C-alpha atoms as a PDB file:
ATOM      1  CA  UNK A   1     170.260 105.047-185.860  1.00  0.00           C
ATOM      2  CA  UNK A   2     172.430 102.288-186.983  1.00  0.00           C
ATOM      3  CA  UNK A   3     175.392 103.670-185.588  1.00  0.00           C
ATOM      4  CA  UNK A   4     173.984 103.943-182.224  1.00  0.00           C
ATOM      5  CA  UNK A   5     172.495 100.352-182.424  1.00  0.00           C
ATOM      6  CA  UNK A   6     175.993  99.065-183.664  1.00  0.00           C
ATOM      7  CA  UNK A   7     177.593 100.995-180.693  1.00  0.00           C
ATOM      8  CA  UNK A   8     175.316  99.265-178.274  1.00  0.00           C
ATOM      9  CA  UNK A   9     175.933  95.871-179.494  1.00  0.00           C
ATOM     10  CA  UNK A  10     179.456  96.117-179.623  1.00  0.00           C
ATOM     11  CA  UNK A  11     179.491  97.234-176.101  1.00  0.00           C
ATOM     12  CA  UNK A  12     177.431  94.374-174.906  1.00  0.00           C
ATOM     13  CA  UNK A  13     179.691  91.795-176.842  1.00  0.00           C
ATOM     14  CA  UNK A  14     182.466  93.279-175.268  1.00  0.00           C
ATOM     15  CA  UNK A  15     180.991  92.901-171.961  1.00  0.00           C
ATOM     16  CA  UNK A  16     180.313  88.904-172.928  1.00  0.00           C
ATOM     17  CA  UNK A  17     183.834  88.710-174.180  1.00  0.00           C
ATOM     18  CA  UNK A  18     185.595  90.013-171.282  1.00  0.00           C
ATOM     19  CA  UNK A  19     183.265  89.214-168.394  1.00  0.00           C
ATOM     20  CA  UNK A  20     180.777  86.353-169.164  1.00  0.00           C
ATOM     21  CA  UNK A  21     181.904  83.894-171.665  1.00  0.00           C
ATOM     22  CA  UNK A  22     183.071  81.355-168.950  1.00  0.00           C
ATOM     23  CA  UNK A  23     180.036  82.134-166.893  1.00  0.00           C
ATOM     24  CA  UNK A  24     176.984  79.703-166.382  1.00  0.00           C
ATOM     25  CA  UNK A  25     174.033  80.332-168.739  1.00  0.00           C
ATOM     26  CA  UNK A  26     171.645  81.403-166.028  1.00  0.00           C
ATOM     27  CA  UNK A  27     174.150  84.234-165.421  1.00  0.00           C
ATOM     28  CA  UNK A  28     174.978  85.333-169.171  1.00  0.00           C
ATOM     29  CA  UNK A  29     171.077  85.018-169.985  1.00  0.00           C
ATOM     30  CA  UNK A  30     170.053  87.107-166.689  1.00  0.00           C
ATOM     31  CA  UNK A  31     172.642  89.882-167.972  1.00  0.00           C
ATOM     32  CA  UNK A  32     172.243  89.717-171.868  1.00  0.00           C
ATOM     33  CA  UNK A  33     169.363  88.290-172.820  1.00  0.00           C
ATOM     34  CA  UNK A  34     166.401  88.854-170.089  1.00  0.00           C
ATOM     35  CA  UNK A  35     167.038  92.798-170.433  1.00  0.00           C
ATOM     36  CA  UNK A  36     166.747  92.762-174.249  1.00  0.00           C
ATOM     37  CA  UNK A  37     163.662  90.438-174.253  1.00  0.00           C
ATOM     38  CA  UNK A  38     162.401  92.976-171.456  1.00  0.00           C
ATOM     39  CA  UNK A  39     162.523  95.905-173.628  1.00  0.00           C
ATOM     40  CA  UNK A  40     161.465  93.790-176.631  1.00  0.00           C
ATOM     41  CA  UNK A  41     158.399  93.134-174.511  1.00  0.00           C
ATOM     42  CA  UNK A  42     157.891  95.830-172.909  1.00  0.00           C
ATOM     43  CA  UNK A  43     156.354  98.204-175.552  1.00  0.00           C
ATOM     44  CA  UNK A  44     159.050 100.811-175.102  1.00  0.00           C
ATOM     45  CA  UNK A  45     159.551 103.288-178.125  1.00  0.00           C
ATOM     46  CA  UNK A  46     160.428 101.726-181.510  1.00  0.00           C
ATOM     47  CA  UNK A  47     163.879 102.844-181.377  1.00  0.00           C
ATOM     48  CA  UNK A  48     164.736 101.625-178.158  1.00  0.00           C
ATOM     49  CA  UNK A  49     163.026  98.354-179.283  1.00  0.00           C
ATOM     50  CA  UNK A  50     164.670  98.344-182.312  1.00  0.00           C
ATOM     51  CA  UNK A  51     168.293  98.566-180.719  1.00  0.00           C
ATOM     52  CA  UNK A  52     167.300  96.010-178.219  1.00  0.00           C
ATOM     53  CA  UNK A  53     166.615  93.778-181.480  1.00  0.00           C
ATOM     54  CA  UNK A  54     169.750  94.526-183.089  1.00  0.00           C
ATOM     55  CA  UNK A  55     171.933  93.944-180.023  1.00  0.00           C
ATOM     56  CA  UNK A  56     170.206  90.468-179.224  1.00  0.00           C
ATOM     57  CA  UNK A  57     170.687  89.646-182.979  1.00  0.00           C
ATOM     58  CA  UNK A  58     174.696  90.261-182.282  1.00  0.00           C
ATOM     59  CA  UNK A  59     174.449  88.358-179.131  1.00  0.00           C
ATOM     60  CA  UNK A  60     173.016  85.704-180.642  1.00  0.00           C
ATOM     61  CA  UNK A  61     175.529  85.492-183.476  1.00  0.00           C
ATOM     62  CA  UNK A  62     178.546  85.386-180.850  1.00  0.00           C
ATOM     63  CA  UNK A  63     176.720  82.440-178.848  1.00  0.00           C
ATOM     64  CA  UNK A  64     176.553  80.567-182.056  1.00  0.00           C
ATOM     65  CA  UNK A  65     180.099  80.948-182.959  1.00  0.00           C
ATOM     66  CA  UNK A  66     181.182  79.974-179.601  1.00  0.00           C
ATOM     67  CA  UNK A  67     178.907  77.431-179.982  1.00  0.00           C
ATOM     68  CA  UNK A  68     177.059  78.148-176.440  1.00  0.00           C
ATOM     69  CA  UNK A  69     174.212  75.780-177.288  1.00  0.00           C
ATOM     70  CA  UNK A  70     172.496  76.494-173.504  1.00  0.00           C
ATOM     71  CA  UNK A  71     172.273  79.814-174.318  1.00  0.00           C
ATOM     72  CA  UNK A  72     170.815  79.105-177.760  1.00  0.00           C
ATOM     73  CA  UNK A  73     168.408  76.974-176.027  1.00  0.00           C
ATOM     74  CA  UNK A  74     167.714  79.321-173.230  1.00  0.00           C
ATOM     75  CA  UNK A  75     166.921  82.219-175.616  1.00  0.00           C
ATOM     76  CA  UNK A  76     165.186  80.689-178.765  1.00  0.00           C
ATOM     77  CA  UNK A  77     161.545  79.561-176.899  1.00  0.00           C
ATOM     78  CA  UNK A  78     161.448  83.177-175.387  1.00  0.00           C
ATOM     79  CA  UNK A  79     162.113  84.561-178.628  1.00  0.00           C
ATOM     80  CA  UNK A  80     159.617  82.493-180.393  1.00  0.00           C
ATOM     81  CA  UNK A  81     156.556  83.174-177.624  1.00  0.00           C
ATOM     82  CA  UNK A  82     157.744  86.952-177.932  1.00  0.00           C
ATOM     83  CA  UNK A  83     157.007  86.462-181.799  1.00  0.00           C
ATOM     84  CA  UNK A  84     153.508  84.610-181.216  1.00  0.00           C
ATOM     85  CA  UNK A  85     152.448  87.689-178.885  1.00  0.00           C
ATOM     86  CA  UNK A  86     153.646  90.019-181.584  1.00  0.00           C
ATOM     87  CA  UNK A  87     151.705  88.111-184.125  1.00  0.00           C
ATOM     88  CA  UNK A  88     148.703  87.422-182.165  1.00  0.00           C
ATOM     89  CA  UNK A  89     148.383  91.122-181.050  1.00  0.00           C
ATOM     90  CA  UNK A  90     148.642  92.296-184.522  1.00  0.00           C
ATOM     91  CA  UNK A  91     145.941  89.995-185.781  1.00  0.00           C
ATOM     92  CA  UNK A  92     143.648  91.960-183.546  1.00  0.00           C
ATOM     93  CA  UNK A  93     144.330  94.989-185.007  1.00  0.00           C
END
């Protein structure tokens, strides 16, 4: 449900704006990026993975807007690796 995805992303972004925007990259990544990537990697149900992907997309938009290049640099290779693993797995099917 897009409404649920939007609400989850909004809550996550609010946490970032109100608590994390001045924190170090490792703290932000630990609280925002890693849990979402874990859901995407973990093989949870499709709806959960779609929501995590939507939240991560919205977080990346905020990182770009705030020019948080360290967070973007941290996230990009992990996302790329996730895509590679998914592509490799789909090639086997």
